[in-house]
Amino acid sequence: MEKEKRTWTVTLADGTKLENLTLNNGANTFHSPAEITEDTFDGKLSEVHIAASDGDMTGCAYPDTLHDAELVQIMQPTDTPDGQWAFILREIPADDLFKAKIRAQLDFLALSTDINLEDM
């Protein structure tokens, strides 16, 4: 009896489910039979849940939940060996989020006080 192939489901922050995904063992590239575009993920990566069809996360480079994720890459079927769409996500490190928040606050203050930060 052949073992059933494990598939993965990625659930985005708005509840969108990307189902029947395969994953390179030990890697972070999901493969999808359905078309994947940047619009699929736009504004939906604040929290991402990843689940295996058999409940076993072994072989997955991701934790079961990503917070503040970003889309790293989308590959079209012509660019993948299996002829499917593929994508990679990553969790944005906390220090990168902190830097972005501080930068946004400085930009706001500079705009409010008519200061050019480029001169500093």
Foldseek 3Di string as FASTA:
>chain_A
DDDDAKWKWKAWQVRDIQTRWDDDFLDFKIFHQDDDDVVSPVPTHQKMAMAIPVRDCHRHPDDRMAGQKDWDDWDALVRDPVSTIMTGMDHDDPVVVVVVVVVVVVVVVCVVVVHDPVVD
